[in-house]
Amino acid sequence: SGVVAASSLVAYGVASRLAQYHGKAHRRIEPAQLSVPHKLEAMDRLLLGPYAIAVTTLAWLAVRGPPLSTSSAYRERWFGSSAASRWCLALYFAKTSLDALVQLATMRLYAAHAATNKRLEVLAHHVVSSFCFGYSLFATRQCEFFGCLAALSEGSTPFLNAVMAVKLFTGERKAAHRALVAANGVGLWVAYVACRLVVFPVWFWRWVADLRGPHAAELVARVSAVQLLVYPASTACIFALSCFWFGLITQGLLKALGLLGAATKIDDGGAVVSIAQNNNHEGVSPPREPPPPPKSSSPTPRDDGVARAADPSHRRRRPGEPSGAAAQRTNGAPSSAIDDDEHHGRARDGDDSTPSVVGRGDVLSRRANKSPCGASTHNAPLVSRLK
């Protein structure tokens, strides 16, 4: 705890002097403008990578002693202890407890976004892990082997933290930054398979094999009921979350490599992140931009001029042309050329220079005077105008 506290204070001081980039627009926040949650977030980025490497190394030193395939080594697995195992559990417990506090302190930064639910998942993961490791470390001093075996899952965290640190401190402004994000995404995918999708099934296999072996009665009598019930249940929940997160990681990796298009958000056992071209820090979607104002339906001056030119009411009336509603009713519609004589002007026979409105009676009389070949014998110019 002292090591974690001292290193956290140093990292907080360094984080207070570093500019940060947030959102798709790479909004730069100068050190003087950083809030306390921003500084805590940067502090976690500076500490998480070295911490994960130290925990994974200690966990590997602790679990390589007792052979996994030998049932006679059950005492070492369930009741054994070593300096490496205790340091691993203590460091994991202290750092995970600090991470839970940081998650609570920075939650308001993401309260307006969908990533709040994802951070709650991470927070629940930290709380459950801290309880299990703390219970074994301080209450019973049992099952240290299984705690260290589960702590091997932290082997994927350095790659995840590298992705997030690059996005936070550089904003992916250069192609080299984006290439570094993609390279660490590949490392994250490979480490996730080895340290989570393989480690957790091995954990369950060894746990169940010991409890169903010849020494099951001794284990049930000596091991705490809390450990027998809570440890496998919490490990199952973390494994289920890891499988879900792995699907998102795979999708994000393919998009970071340009195989699926835009970016996606991914999660890991400690944070939410996007490893593709989406430059959202912590996978948080920025507030949506307001939609553009609707275009005005009123015509532009040029359109208004065209409309006025096309409107019969604004044209200069020719001599003898009907005015008002009668002109509008006869303009532009084929059927308006044939209307009642009572409401329209009289047709002008033989005059091609003046537009005319033909009454229904005149048209019928002219149809009656058509020749056998279909042409009107009474007024040929009027027929051409009607056509």
Foldseek 3Di string as FASTA:
>chain_A
DVVVVVLLVVLLVVLLQAWWFAFQVRDIDGSVRDDPLSSLVSSCLVPLQVLLVLLLVLLVVQQVPQDLVDLVSVCCQWQNDDPSLLVNLVSLLVVLVVLLVSLVVNLVVQVPFPCSVVSVVLSVLSVLLNVLSVCCNPPQVTNSNLNSLLSNLSQLVNLVSQLLNLLIRPVPPDPVSLVSLLVSLVVSLVSLCVRQVPSLVSSVVSLVCNCPDPCVVVCVVRDDPCCVPSVVVSSVVLNVVSVVLSVLSVVLSCQQVVNPDDWAWGDDNRFIGISHPRSHRRRTHDDDDDDDDDDDPDDDPVVVVVVLVPDPQNDDDDPPADDDPLNVQCPPDLVSLEEACVVAPDADAPDPVDDGRHYNVVVVVQQVQADPVGAGPPGRVVVVVSD
